[in-house]
Amino acid sequence: MKKLVIFDLDGTLLNTIADLAQSTNHALSMIGYPTHEESAYNFMVGNGINKLFERALPEGEKSEENVLRVRKEFIPYYDVHNADKSRPYPGIPELLEQLQLQGLQIAVASNKYQAATQKLIAHYFPGIRFIAVFGQREGVNVKPDPTIVEDILTIAKVNKEEVLYVGDSGVDMQTAINAGVTSCGVTWGFRPRTELEEFRPDYIVDKAEDIIDLLLPAFS
């Protein structure tokens, strides 16, 4: 019986790609670099914003200095515009409400920077009592390093066997493997099913209700 469900944010709980793309393109334009189609960002996100900026910069321009220049333009813009087009995926609000109703602990483990992670969770899921909402924090390695999961387990006071980790990317599946917890890939996010399958997760689901079936079969 699982007692804790840890969710990735971007591509799992929220479809944030339009706002990430718009904000990164704004930052690139401000410093004179070419922009990208929104669909291209599906394969740039997932490893934190500095890696996103590195991937978005042109070949030969991917220096640490340029990453920081993009970051300087991106963060103030994204802080204002990060909820312009982002929306929960179908069934996600209902899933979280059902898990909460049945007494499961719920947490978020994201590679999005901490302030934006907290803001988006508070904005879109005000009625859900998350036991932890962790994004990319200063001095803590990003996923697939398992530290973020281990920090949540300490707060939740549960064993690894009692945890389900839910995410949409290979990074998420690696994180679950590295942390020694049960993994569940979702196919509605930014990455293709084939990327999830490479890591042989314990489960792959196609819609939010399928997670209810896994965790609470009596209520599905």
N, C-alpha and C. Protein backbone atom coordinates (compact mmCIF):
# COMPACT_ATOMS: atom_id res chain seq x y z
N MET A 1 0.84 -1.19 0.00
CA MET A 1 0.00 0.00 0.00
C MET A 1 0.88 1.25 0.00
N LYS A 2 0.68 2.11 -0.97
CA LYS A 2 1.44 3.35 -1.04
C LYS A 2 0.85 4.40 -0.09
N LYS A 3 1.74 5.16 0.53
CA LYS A 3 1.32 6.21 1.45
C LYS A 3 1.68 7.60 0.96
N LEU A 4 2.58 7.67 -0.01
CA LEU A 4 3.07 8.95 -0.52
C LEU A 4 3.18 8.89 -2.04
N VAL A 5 2.67 9.92 -2.70
CA VAL A 5 2.82 10.06 -4.15
C VAL A 5 3.58 11.35 -4.42
N ILE A 6 4.71 11.22 -5.12
CA ILE A 6 5.53 12.37 -5.49
C ILE A 6 5.32 12.63 -6.98
N PHE A 7 4.96 13.86 -7.32
CA PHE A 7 4.71 14.23 -8.71
C PHE A 7 5.79 15.19 -9.21
N ASP A 8 6.25 14.95 -10.42
CA ASP A 8 6.95 15.98 -11.18
C ASP A 8 5.93 17.07 -11.51
N LEU A 9 6.41 18.26 -11.88
CA LEU A 9 5.49 19.37 -12.17
C LEU A 9 5.27 19.56 -13.67
N ASP A 10 6.28 20.07 -14.37
CA ASP A 10 6.14 20.38 -15.79
C ASP A 10 5.99 19.10 -16.61
N GLY A 11 4.90 19.00 -17.37
CA GLY A 11 4.67 17.82 -18.19
C GLY A 11 3.97 16.69 -17.47
N THR A 12 3.74 16.87 -16.16
CA THR A 12 3.08 15.83 -15.37
C THR A 12 1.80 16.38 -14.73
N LEU A 13 1.94 17.40 -13.90
CA LEU A 13 0.76 18.06 -13.32
C LEU A 13 0.26 19.19 -14.22
N LEU A 14 1.21 19.98 -14.75
CA LEU A 14 0.85 21.15 -15.55
C LEU A 14 1.48 21.09 -16.93
N ASN A 15 0.72 21.53 -17.93
CA ASN A 15 1.28 21.76 -19.26
C ASN A 15 1.79 23.20 -19.28
N THR A 16 3.08 23.35 -19.09
CA THR A 16 3.71 24.67 -18.96
C THR A 16 4.53 25.06 -20.18
N ILE A 17 4.50 24.26 -21.23
CA ILE A 17 5.45 24.43 -22.32
C ILE A 17 5.28 25.77 -23.05
N ALA A 18 4.05 26.24 -23.21
CA ALA A 18 3.83 27.49 -23.94
C ALA A 18 4.46 28.67 -23.21
N ASP A 19 4.31 28.72 -21.90
CA ASP A 19 4.88 29.83 -21.13
C ASP A 19 6.40 29.73 -21.04
N LEU A 20 6.93 28.51 -20.95
CA LEU A 20 8.38 28.34 -20.95
C LEU A 20 8.96 28.76 -22.30
N ALA A 21 8.31 28.37 -23.37
CA ALA A 21 8.78 28.72 -24.71
C ALA A 21 8.72 30.23 -24.92
N GLN A 22 7.60 30.82 -24.57
CA GLN A 22 7.42 32.27 -24.75
C GLN A 22 8.48 33.04 -23.97
N SER A 23 8.73 32.63 -22.74
CA SER A 23 9.66 33.35 -21.88
C SER A 23 11.10 33.17 -22.33
N THR A 24 11.44 31.95 -22.77
CA THR A 24 12.80 31.72 -23.27
C THR A 24 13.02 32.47 -24.58
N ASN A 25 12.04 32.45 -25.45
CA ASN A 25 12.15 33.20 -26.71
C ASN A 25 12.29 34.70 -26.45
N HIS A 26 11.56 35.21 -25.47
CA HIS A 26 11.69 36.62 -25.09
C HIS A 26 13.13 36.91 -24.67
N ALA A 27 13.68 36.05 -23.81
CA ALA A 27 15.04 36.27 -23.31
C ALA A 27 16.06 36.19 -24.44
N LEU A 28 15.91 35.20 -25.33
CA LEU A 28 16.83 35.08 -26.47
C LEU A 28 16.76 36.31 -27.36
N SER A 29 15.55 36.79 -27.61
CA SER A 29 15.39 37.97 -28.47
C SER A 29 16.04 39.20 -27.85
N MET A 30 15.92 39.33 -26.54
CA MET A 30 16.45 40.50 -25.85
C MET A 30 17.96 40.61 -25.98
N ILE A 31 18.65 39.47 -26.14
CA ILE A 31 20.11 39.53 -26.25
C ILE A 31 20.59 39.18 -27.66
N GLY A 32 19.62 39.16 -28.61
CA GLY A 32 19.99 39.09 -30.02
C GLY A 32 20.19 37.71 -30.60
N TYR A 33 19.60 36.69 -29.98
CA TYR A 33 19.74 35.33 -30.51
C TYR A 33 18.42 34.87 -31.14
N PRO A 34 18.50 33.93 -32.09
CA PRO A 34 17.27 33.42 -32.72
C PRO A 34 16.40 32.64 -31.74
N THR A 35 15.11 32.61 -32.03
CA THR A 35 14.14 31.91 -31.18
C THR A 35 13.79 30.56 -31.78
N HIS A 36 12.91 29.82 -31.09
CA HIS A 36 12.55 28.46 -31.51
C HIS A 36 11.03 28.30 -31.53
N GLU A 37 10.58 27.35 -32.34
CA GLU A 37 9.18 26.95 -32.31
C GLU A 37 8.84 26.36 -30.95
N GLU A 38 7.61 26.54 -30.52
CA GLU A 38 7.19 26.03 -29.21
C GLU A 38 7.45 24.54 -29.08
N SER A 39 7.19 23.77 -30.14
CA SER A 39 7.33 22.31 -30.06
C SER A 39 8.77 21.89 -29.78
N ALA A 40 9.73 22.71 -30.17
CA ALA A 40 11.14 22.36 -29.94
C ALA A 40 11.48 22.32 -28.46
N TYR A 41 10.73 23.06 -27.66
CA TYR A 41 11.03 23.15 -26.24
C TYR A 41 10.69 21.87 -25.47
N ASN A 42 9.87 21.01 -26.07
CA ASN A 42 9.57 19.73 -25.40
C ASN A 42 10.83 18.95 -25.06
N PHE A 43 11.86 19.12 -25.90
CA PHE A 43 13.09 18.36 -25.71
C PHE A 43 14.21 19.20 -25.10
N MET A 44 13.90 20.43 -24.72
CA MET A 44 14.90 21.28 -24.05
C MET A 44 14.70 21.33 -22.54
N VAL A 45 13.46 21.12 -22.11
CA VAL A 45 13.15 21.25 -20.68
C VAL A 45 13.40 19.93 -19.96
N GLY A 46 13.42 20.01 -18.62
CA GLY A 46 13.48 18.80 -17.81
C GLY A 46 14.70 18.68 -16.92
N ASN A 47 15.73 19.49 -17.20
CA ASN A 47 16.97 19.39 -16.42
C ASN A 47 17.32 20.70 -15.71
N GLY A 48 16.31 21.54 -15.46
CA GLY A 48 16.56 22.84 -14.85
C GLY A 48 16.71 23.92 -15.90
N ILE A 49 16.54 25.19 -15.49
CA ILE A 49 16.49 26.27 -16.49
C ILE A 49 17.85 26.57 -17.11
N ASN A 50 18.93 26.40 -16.38
CA ASN A 50 20.23 26.67 -16.99
C ASN A 50 20.51 25.72 -18.15
N LYS A 51 20.13 24.46 -17.99
CA LYS A 51 20.27 23.49 -19.08
C LYS A 51 19.32 23.84 -20.23
N LEU A 52 18.13 24.32 -19.92
CA LEU A 52 17.20 24.79 -20.95
C LEU A 52 17.84 25.90 -21.78
N PHE A 53 18.44 26.86 -21.10
CA PHE A 53 19.04 27.99 -21.83
C PHE A 53 20.23 27.53 -22.67
N GLU A 54 21.02 26.63 -22.13
CA GLU A 54 22.15 26.09 -22.89
C GLU A 54 21.67 25.42 -24.17
N ARG A 55 20.61 24.65 -24.06
CA ARG A 55 20.07 23.95 -25.24
C ARG A 55 19.46 24.93 -26.23
N ALA A 56 18.89 26.03 -25.73
CA ALA A 56 18.22 27.00 -26.60
C ALA A 56 19.21 27.91 -27.33
N LEU A 57 20.39 28.09 -26.78
CA LEU A 57 21.39 28.95 -27.42
C LEU A 57 21.96 28.29 -28.68
N PRO A 58 22.37 29.09 -29.65
CA PRO A 58 22.93 28.53 -30.89
C PRO A 58 24.24 27.79 -30.63
N GLU A 59 24.57 26.88 -31.53
CA GLU A 59 25.85 26.20 -31.45
C GLU A 59 26.97 27.24 -31.46
N GLY A 60 27.97 27.02 -30.63
CA GLY A 60 29.07 27.96 -30.53
C GLY A 60 28.82 29.11 -29.59
N GLU A 61 27.60 29.21 -29.05
CA GLU A 61 27.25 30.30 -28.15
C GLU A 61 26.82 29.80 -26.77
N LYS A 62 27.06 28.51 -26.51
CA LYS A 62 26.52 27.88 -25.30
C LYS A 62 27.46 28.04 -24.09
N SER A 63 27.98 29.24 -23.90
CA SER A 63 28.90 29.49 -22.79
C SER A 63 28.13 29.76 -21.50
N GLU A 64 28.82 29.59 -20.38
CA GLU A 64 28.20 29.89 -19.09
C GLU A 64 27.78 31.35 -19.02
N GLU A 65 28.60 32.23 -19.60
CA GLU A 65 28.27 33.66 -19.62
C GLU A 65 26.95 33.92 -20.34
N ASN A 66 26.76 33.26 -21.49
CA ASN A 66 25.52 33.46 -22.24
C ASN A 66 24.32 32.85 -21.54
N VAL A 67 24.52 31.71 -20.90
CA VAL A 67 23.44 31.10 -20.11
C VAL A 67 22.97 32.08 -19.05
N LEU A 68 23.90 32.73 -18.38
CA LEU A 68 23.53 33.69 -17.33
C LEU A 68 22.87 34.94 -17.91
N ARG A 69 23.27 35.33 -19.12
CA ARG A 69 22.61 36.47 -19.79
C ARG A 69 21.15 36.15 -20.11
N VAL A 70 20.92 34.92 -20.60
CA VAL A 70 19.54 34.50 -20.88
C VAL A 70 18.75 34.44 -19.58
N ARG A 71 19.35 33.88 -18.55
CA ARG A 71 18.67 33.74 -17.26
C ARG A 71 18.24 35.11 -16.72
N LYS A 72 19.11 36.10 -16.86
CA LYS A 72 18.81 37.44 -16.35
C LYS A 72 17.57 38.03 -17.01
N GLU A 73 17.38 37.73 -18.29
CA GLU A 73 16.19 38.22 -19.01
C GLU A 73 14.97 37.34 -18.75
N PHE A 74 15.21 36.04 -18.60
CA PHE A 74 14.11 35.08 -18.48
C PHE A 74 13.35 35.22 -17.17
N ILE A 75 14.06 35.24 -16.04
CA ILE A 75 13.40 35.10 -14.74
C ILE A 75 12.39 36.21 -14.46
N PRO A 76 12.73 37.50 -14.62
CA PRO A 76 11.70 38.52 -14.36
C PRO A 76 10.50 38.42 -15.29
N TYR A 77 10.75 38.00 -16.54
CA TYR A 77 9.64 37.86 -17.49
C TYR A 77 8.77 36.66 -17.12
N TYR A 78 9.42 35.53 -16.86
CA TYR A 78 8.66 34.31 -16.53
C TYR A 78 7.90 34.47 -15.21
N ASP A 79 8.47 35.18 -14.26
CA ASP A 79 7.78 35.38 -12.99
C ASP A 79 6.44 36.08 -13.18
N VAL A 80 6.34 36.91 -14.21
CA VAL A 80 5.09 37.61 -14.51
C VAL A 80 4.17 36.76 -15.40
N HIS A 81 4.77 35.99 -16.30
CA HIS A 81 3.99 35.33 -17.36
C HIS A 81 3.89 33.81 -17.22
N ASN A 82 4.30 33.24 -16.07
CA ASN A 82 4.35 31.77 -15.98
C ASN A 82 2.99 31.10 -15.86
N ALA A 83 1.94 31.89 -15.70
CA ALA A 83 0.59 31.30 -15.65
C ALA A 83 -0.30 31.83 -16.77
N ASP A 84 0.31 32.40 -17.81
CA ASP A 84 -0.49 32.92 -18.92
C ASP A 84 -1.26 31.81 -19.64
N LYS A 85 -0.55 30.75 -19.99
CA LYS A 85 -1.15 29.68 -20.79
C LYS A 85 -1.04 28.31 -20.12
N SER A 86 -0.28 28.21 -19.06
CA SER A 86 -0.11 26.91 -18.37
C SER A 86 -1.44 26.46 -17.78
N ARG A 87 -1.69 25.15 -17.84
CA ARG A 87 -2.94 24.60 -17.33
C ARG A 87 -2.69 23.18 -16.79
N PRO A 88 -3.48 22.76 -15.80
CA PRO A 88 -3.40 21.36 -15.36
C PRO A 88 -3.82 20.44 -16.51
N TYR A 89 -3.20 19.28 -16.58
CA TYR A 89 -3.63 18.28 -17.55
C TYR A 89 -4.99 17.73 -17.16
N PRO A 90 -5.75 17.21 -18.12
CA PRO A 90 -7.08 16.67 -17.84
C PRO A 90 -7.04 15.62 -16.73
N GLY A 91 -7.94 15.78 -15.76
CA GLY A 91 -8.07 14.81 -14.68
C GLY A 91 -7.12 15.01 -13.52
N ILE A 92 -6.15 15.90 -13.65
CA ILE A 92 -5.16 16.07 -12.58
C ILE A 92 -5.78 16.68 -11.32
N PRO A 93 -6.57 17.76 -11.41
CA PRO A 93 -7.16 18.28 -10.17
C PRO A 93 -8.01 17.24 -9.44
N GLU A 94 -8.78 16.48 -10.21
CA GLU A 94 -9.63 15.44 -9.61
C GLU A 94 -8.78 14.33 -8.98
N LEU A 95 -7.68 13.97 -9.64
CA LEU A 95 -6.78 12.96 -9.10
C LEU A 95 -6.21 13.40 -7.76
N LEU A 96 -5.71 14.61 -7.70
CA LEU A 96 -5.12 15.11 -6.46
C LEU A 96 -6.16 15.18 -5.33
N GLU A 97 -7.36 15.61 -5.68
CA GLU A 97 -8.43 15.68 -4.67
C GLU A 97 -8.77 14.29 -4.14
N GLN A 98 -8.82 13.29 -5.04
CA GLN A 98 -9.14 11.92 -4.63
C GLN A 98 -8.05 11.34 -3.73
N LEU A 99 -6.80 11.56 -4.09
CA LEU A 99 -5.69 11.07 -3.28
C LEU A 99 -5.72 11.71 -1.89
N GLN A 100 -5.97 13.00 -1.87
CA GLN A 100 -6.03 13.71 -0.58
C GLN A 100 -7.20 13.19 0.25
N LEU A 101 -8.34 13.00 -0.40
CA LEU A 101 -9.53 12.50 0.30
C LEU A 101 -9.30 11.14 0.93
N GLN A 102 -8.50 10.32 0.27
CA GLN A 102 -8.23 8.98 0.77
C GLN A 102 -7.04 8.92 1.73
N GLY A 103 -6.49 10.08 2.06
CA GLY A 103 -5.48 10.14 3.10
C GLY A 103 -4.05 9.91 2.65
N LEU A 104 -3.80 9.89 1.34
CA LEU A 104 -2.42 9.75 0.88
C LEU A 104 -1.69 11.08 0.98
N GLN A 105 -0.41 11.03 1.29
CA GLN A 105 0.42 12.23 1.27
C GLN A 105 0.82 12.52 -0.17
N ILE A 106 0.91 13.82 -0.50
CA ILE A 106 1.21 14.25 -1.86
C ILE A 106 2.34 15.27 -1.80
N ALA A 107 3.31 15.14 -2.72
CA ALA A 107 4.43 16.07 -2.78
C ALA A 107 4.80 16.36 -4.23
N VAL A 108 5.58 17.41 -4.42
CA VAL A 108 6.07 17.80 -5.74
C VAL A 108 7.59 17.83 -5.72
N ALA A 109 8.20 17.23 -6.76
CA ALA A 109 9.65 17.25 -6.95
C ALA A 109 9.93 17.72 -8.37
N SER A 110 10.39 18.94 -8.51
CA SER A 110 10.57 19.55 -9.84
C SER A 110 11.99 20.06 -10.03
N ASN A 111 12.42 20.16 -11.28
CA ASN A 111 13.67 20.83 -11.60
C ASN A 111 13.45 22.30 -11.97
N LYS A 112 12.21 22.77 -11.91
CA LYS A 112 11.94 24.20 -12.06
C LYS A 112 12.44 24.92 -10.81
N TYR A 113 12.92 26.14 -10.97
CA TYR A 113 13.45 26.84 -9.80
C TYR A 113 12.37 27.02 -8.73
N GLN A 114 12.82 27.05 -7.48
CA GLN A 114 11.93 26.90 -6.33
C GLN A 114 10.79 27.93 -6.31
N ALA A 115 11.10 29.19 -6.53
CA ALA A 115 10.06 30.23 -6.43
C ALA A 115 8.93 29.99 -7.42
N ALA A 116 9.27 29.64 -8.65
CA ALA A 116 8.24 29.40 -9.66
C ALA A 116 7.45 28.13 -9.36
N THR A 117 8.14 27.10 -8.86
CA THR A 117 7.45 25.86 -8.49
C THR A 117 6.39 26.14 -7.44
N GLN A 118 6.75 26.85 -6.39
CA GLN A 118 5.81 27.16 -5.31
C GLN A 118 4.67 28.03 -5.82
N LYS A 119 4.98 29.00 -6.65
CA LYS A 119 3.94 29.91 -7.17
C LYS A 119 2.91 29.16 -8.00
N LEU A 120 3.37 28.30 -8.90
CA LEU A 120 2.45 27.58 -9.78
C LEU A 120 1.58 26.60 -9.00
N ILE A 121 2.16 25.89 -8.05
CA ILE A 121 1.38 24.95 -7.24
C ILE A 121 0.32 25.69 -6.44
N ALA A 122 0.70 26.81 -5.83
CA ALA A 122 -0.27 27.59 -5.05
C ALA A 122 -1.38 28.15 -5.94
N HIS A 123 -1.02 28.53 -7.16
CA HIS A 123 -1.99 29.14 -8.07
C HIS A 123 -2.99 28.12 -8.61
N TYR A 124 -2.49 26.97 -9.04
CA TYR A 124 -3.37 26.01 -9.72
C TYR A 124 -4.00 24.97 -8.80
N PHE A 125 -3.42 24.74 -7.63
CA PHE A 125 -3.94 23.70 -6.74
C PHE A 125 -4.08 24.23 -5.31
N PRO A 126 -4.85 25.30 -5.13
CA PRO A 126 -4.93 25.94 -3.80
C PRO A 126 -5.59 25.06 -2.73
N GLY A 127 -6.39 24.08 -3.15
CA GLY A 127 -7.09 23.24 -2.18
C GLY A 127 -6.35 21.98 -1.79
N ILE A 128 -5.17 21.76 -2.35
CA ILE A 128 -4.41 20.54 -2.06
C ILE A 128 -3.33 20.83 -1.03
N ARG A 129 -3.26 19.99 -0.02
CA ARG A 129 -2.27 20.17 1.05
C ARG A 129 -1.05 19.29 0.76
N PHE A 130 -0.14 19.83 -0.02
CA PHE A 130 1.10 19.12 -0.33
C PHE A 130 1.99 19.11 0.91
N ILE A 131 2.60 17.96 1.21
CA ILE A 131 3.50 17.93 2.37
C ILE A 131 4.85 18.56 2.06
N ALA A 132 5.20 18.63 0.78
CA ALA A 132 6.43 19.30 0.36
C ALA A 132 6.27 19.72 -1.09
N VAL A 133 6.76 20.91 -1.42
CA VAL A 133 6.80 21.40 -2.79
C VAL A 133 8.23 21.86 -3.04
N PHE A 134 9.00 21.00 -3.66
CA PHE A 134 10.41 21.28 -3.89
C PHE A 134 10.70 21.46 -5.37
N GLY A 135 11.36 22.56 -5.67
CA GLY A 135 11.91 22.79 -7.00
C GLY A 135 13.42 22.74 -6.92
N GLN A 136 14.05 23.40 -7.88
CA GLN A 136 15.52 23.47 -7.88
C GLN A 136 15.94 24.45 -6.79
N ARG A 137 16.68 23.93 -5.81
CA ARG A 137 17.10 24.74 -4.65
C ARG A 137 18.60 24.93 -4.65
N GLU A 138 19.02 26.07 -4.16
CA GLU A 138 20.44 26.39 -4.10
C GLU A 138 21.19 25.32 -3.32
N GLY A 139 22.26 24.81 -3.93
CA GLY A 139 23.10 23.84 -3.25
C GLY A 139 22.61 22.41 -3.28
N VAL A 140 21.48 22.15 -3.96
CA VAL A 140 20.94 20.79 -4.06
C VAL A 140 20.99 20.36 -5.53
N ASN A 141 21.56 19.20 -5.79
CA ASN A 141 21.66 18.71 -7.16
C ASN A 141 20.27 18.48 -7.76
N VAL A 142 20.14 18.75 -9.04
CA VAL A 142 18.85 18.56 -9.71
C VAL A 142 18.64 17.09 -10.03
N LYS A 143 17.38 16.72 -10.30
CA LYS A 143 17.08 15.38 -10.78
C LYS A 143 17.86 15.11 -12.06
N PRO A 144 18.36 13.90 -12.28
CA PRO A 144 17.97 12.64 -11.62
C PRO A 144 18.69 12.32 -10.32
N ASP A 145 19.44 13.26 -9.77
CA ASP A 145 19.97 13.04 -8.42
C ASP A 145 18.80 12.79 -7.48
N PRO A 146 18.88 11.79 -6.60
CA PRO A 146 17.73 11.41 -5.76
C PRO A 146 17.53 12.26 -4.51
N THR A 147 18.39 13.27 -4.30
CA THR A 147 18.31 14.04 -3.05
C THR A 147 16.93 14.63 -2.82
N ILE A 148 16.31 15.17 -3.88
CA ILE A 148 15.00 15.80 -3.72
C ILE A 148 13.96 14.80 -3.20
N VAL A 149 14.03 13.57 -3.70
CA VAL A 149 13.11 12.52 -3.23
C VAL A 149 13.43 12.14 -1.79
N GLU A 150 14.70 12.00 -1.49
CA GLU A 150 15.11 11.63 -0.14
C GLU A 150 14.68 12.69 0.88
N ASP A 151 14.77 13.96 0.50
CA ASP A 151 14.33 15.05 1.39
C ASP A 151 12.82 14.96 1.66
N ILE A 152 12.06 14.60 0.63
CA ILE A 152 10.61 14.46 0.80
C ILE A 152 10.29 13.27 1.69
N LEU A 153 11.00 12.16 1.50
CA LEU A 153 10.77 10.98 2.34
C LEU A 153 11.03 11.28 3.81
N THR A 154 12.02 12.09 4.08
CA THR A 154 12.32 12.46 5.47
C THR A 154 11.16 13.22 6.09
N ILE A 155 10.57 14.13 5.32
CA ILE A 155 9.43 14.90 5.82
C ILE A 155 8.20 14.00 5.99
N ALA A 156 7.97 13.11 5.02
CA ALA A 156 6.77 12.26 5.04
C ALA A 156 6.86 11.12 6.05
N LYS A 157 8.11 10.79 6.42
CA LYS A 157 8.32 9.69 7.38
C LYS A 157 7.72 8.37 6.85
N VAL A 158 8.06 8.05 5.61
CA VAL A 158 7.60 6.79 5.01
C VAL A 158 8.81 6.03 4.49
N ASN A 159 8.61 4.72 4.26
CA ASN A 159 9.64 3.88 3.68
C ASN A 159 9.59 3.99 2.15
N LYS A 160 10.67 3.63 1.50
CA LYS A 160 10.74 3.73 0.04
C LYS A 160 9.69 2.86 -0.64
N GLU A 161 9.37 1.72 -0.02
CA GLU A 161 8.37 0.81 -0.63
C GLU A 161 6.97 1.43 -0.61
N GLU A 162 6.78 2.47 0.17
CA GLU A 162 5.46 3.09 0.31
C GLU A 162 5.29 4.32 -0.59
N VAL A 163 6.20 4.48 -1.54
CA VAL A 163 6.23 5.69 -2.37
C VAL A 163 5.99 5.36 -3.85
N LEU A 164 5.18 6.18 -4.51
CA LEU A 164 5.04 6.15 -5.97
C LEU A 164 5.53 7.48 -6.51
N TYR A 165 6.47 7.41 -7.45
CA TYR A 165 6.98 8.63 -8.08
C TYR A 165 6.41 8.70 -9.50
N VAL A 166 5.80 9.85 -9.85
CA VAL A 166 5.10 10.01 -11.11
C VAL A 166 5.74 11.13 -11.93
N GLY A 167 6.13 10.81 -13.17
CA GLY A 167 6.74 11.83 -14.03
C GLY A 167 6.61 11.49 -15.50
N ASP A 168 6.99 12.45 -16.35
CA ASP A 168 6.76 12.31 -17.80
C ASP A 168 8.02 12.11 -18.62
N SER A 169 9.19 12.03 -17.98
CA SER A 169 10.42 12.01 -18.76
C SER A 169 11.39 10.94 -18.28
N GLY A 170 12.41 10.70 -19.10
CA GLY A 170 13.48 9.80 -18.70
C GLY A 170 14.18 10.28 -17.44
N VAL A 171 14.33 11.59 -17.30
CA VAL A 171 14.93 12.15 -16.08
C VAL A 171 14.13 11.71 -14.85
N ASP A 172 12.81 11.75 -14.96
CA ASP A 172 11.97 11.34 -13.84
C ASP A 172 12.12 9.86 -13.53
N MET A 173 12.16 9.04 -14.56
CA MET A 173 12.31 7.61 -14.34
C MET A 173 13.67 7.30 -13.72
N GLN A 174 14.72 7.99 -14.16
CA GLN A 174 16.04 7.84 -13.56
C GLN A 174 16.01 8.26 -12.09
N THR A 175 15.30 9.34 -11.81
CA THR A 175 15.20 9.82 -10.43
C THR A 175 14.59 8.77 -9.52
N ALA A 176 13.49 8.17 -9.98
CA ALA A 176 12.84 7.13 -9.19
C ALA A 176 13.76 5.93 -8.98
N ILE A 177 14.45 5.52 -10.04
CA ILE A 177 15.39 4.40 -9.94
C ILE A 177 16.50 4.73 -8.95
N ASN A 178 17.08 5.92 -9.08
CA ASN A 178 18.17 6.33 -8.20
C ASN A 178 17.74 6.42 -6.74
N ALA A 179 16.47 6.76 -6.53
CA ALA A 179 15.95 6.89 -5.17
C ALA A 179 15.44 5.56 -4.62
N GLY A 180 15.29 4.56 -5.47
CA GLY A 180 14.82 3.25 -5.02
C GLY A 180 13.34 3.19 -4.71
N VAL A 181 12.55 4.01 -5.46
CA VAL A 181 11.10 4.03 -5.24
C VAL A 181 10.38 3.55 -6.50
N THR A 182 9.10 3.21 -6.37
CA THR A 182 8.29 2.75 -7.49
C THR A 182 8.09 3.87 -8.49
N SER A 183 8.28 3.57 -9.77
CA SER A 183 8.21 4.59 -10.82
C SER A 183 6.95 4.43 -11.67
N CYS A 184 6.38 5.58 -12.04
CA CYS A 184 5.21 5.59 -12.92
C CYS A 184 5.40 6.69 -13.96
N GLY A 185 5.53 6.29 -15.23
CA GLY A 185 5.64 7.26 -16.30
C GLY A 185 4.27 7.62 -16.85
N VAL A 186 4.10 8.88 -17.23
CA VAL A 186 2.84 9.34 -17.82
C VAL A 186 3.10 9.76 -19.27
N THR A 187 2.16 9.43 -20.15
CA THR A 187 2.37 9.64 -21.58
C THR A 187 1.79 10.95 -22.10
N TRP A 188 1.15 11.74 -21.22
CA TRP A 188 0.52 12.97 -21.69
C TRP A 188 1.47 14.18 -21.67
N GLY A 189 2.72 13.99 -21.24
CA GLY A 189 3.62 15.11 -21.03
C GLY A 189 4.43 15.50 -22.24
N PHE A 190 5.66 15.97 -21.99
CA PHE A 190 6.49 16.55 -23.03
C PHE A 190 7.29 15.53 -23.83
N ARG A 191 7.50 14.34 -23.28
CA ARG A 191 8.40 13.38 -23.91
C ARG A 191 7.63 12.17 -24.44
N PRO A 192 8.15 11.50 -25.45
CA PRO A 192 7.44 10.35 -26.04
C PRO A 192 7.48 9.13 -25.13
N ARG A 193 6.51 8.26 -25.33
CA ARG A 193 6.43 7.01 -24.55
C ARG A 193 7.72 6.20 -24.67
N THR A 194 8.35 6.25 -25.83
CA THR A 194 9.57 5.46 -26.03
C THR A 194 10.67 5.88 -25.07
N GLU A 195 10.73 7.16 -24.72
CA GLU A 195 11.74 7.61 -23.76
C GLU A 195 11.49 7.00 -22.38
N LEU A 196 10.23 6.94 -21.99
CA LEU A 196 9.88 6.31 -20.71
C LEU A 196 10.24 4.83 -20.73
N GLU A 197 9.91 4.15 -21.83
CA GLU A 197 10.12 2.71 -21.92
C GLU A 197 11.58 2.32 -21.81
N GLU A 198 12.47 3.21 -22.25
CA GLU A 198 13.91 2.92 -22.16
C GLU A 198 14.35 2.62 -20.72
N PHE A 199 13.64 3.21 -19.76
CA PHE A 199 14.03 3.07 -18.35
C PHE A 199 13.22 2.01 -17.61
N ARG A 200 12.34 1.34 -18.34
CA ARG A 200 11.55 0.24 -17.77
C ARG A 200 10.90 0.61 -16.44
N PRO A 201 10.06 1.64 -16.43
CA PRO A 201 9.38 2.00 -15.19
C PRO A 201 8.44 0.90 -14.74
N ASP A 202 8.08 0.93 -13.47
CA ASP A 202 7.15 -0.07 -12.95
C ASP A 202 5.79 0.03 -13.62
N TYR A 203 5.39 1.26 -13.95
CA TYR A 203 4.09 1.48 -14.61
C TYR A 203 4.24 2.58 -15.65
N ILE A 204 3.41 2.51 -16.70
CA ILE A 204 3.21 3.62 -17.62
C ILE A 204 1.70 3.81 -17.76
N VAL A 205 1.23 5.05 -17.60
CA VAL A 205 -0.21 5.31 -17.68
C VAL A 205 -0.49 6.37 -18.74
N ASP A 206 -1.69 6.30 -19.29
CA ASP A 206 -2.08 7.20 -20.38
C ASP A 206 -3.03 8.30 -19.95
N LYS A 207 -3.63 8.18 -18.78
CA LYS A 207 -4.52 9.23 -18.28
C LYS A 207 -4.48 9.26 -16.76
N ALA A 208 -4.86 10.40 -16.21
CA ALA A 208 -4.73 10.61 -14.76
C ALA A 208 -5.52 9.58 -13.95
N GLU A 209 -6.67 9.20 -14.46
CA GLU A 209 -7.51 8.24 -13.72
C GLU A 209 -6.81 6.89 -13.53
N ASP A 210 -5.87 6.57 -14.43
CA ASP A 210 -5.15 5.30 -14.31
C ASP A 210 -4.33 5.24 -13.03
N ILE A 211 -3.91 6.40 -12.52
CA ILE A 211 -3.14 6.42 -11.28
C ILE A 211 -4.04 6.07 -10.10
N ILE A 212 -5.29 6.47 -10.17
CA ILE A 212 -6.26 6.05 -9.15
C ILE A 212 -6.38 4.53 -9.14
N ASP A 213 -6.42 3.94 -10.33
CA ASP A 213 -6.53 2.49 -10.43
C ASP A 213 -5.34 1.79 -9.76
N LEU A 214 -4.15 2.38 -9.91
CA LEU A 214 -2.96 1.81 -9.32
C LEU A 214 -2.98 1.91 -7.79
N LEU A 215 -3.39 3.06 -7.31
CA LEU A 215 -3.25 3.36 -5.87
C LEU A 215 -4.48 3.00 -5.07
N LEU A 216 -5.64 3.20 -5.68
CA LEU A 216 -6.89 3.04 -4.93
C LEU A 216 -7.89 2.24 -5.77
N PRO A 217 -7.59 0.99 -6.07
CA PRO A 217 -8.47 0.21 -6.96
C PRO A 217 -9.90 0.13 -6.48
N ALA A 218 -10.09 0.18 -5.18
CA ALA A 218 -11.46 0.08 -4.65
C ALA A 218 -12.29 1.31 -4.97
N PHE A 219 -11.61 2.43 -5.33
CA PHE A 219 -12.33 3.67 -5.56
C PHE A 219 -12.40 4.03 -7.03
N SER A 220 -11.83 3.19 -7.89
CA SER A 220 -11.82 3.50 -9.32
C SER A 220 -13.13 3.05 -9.98
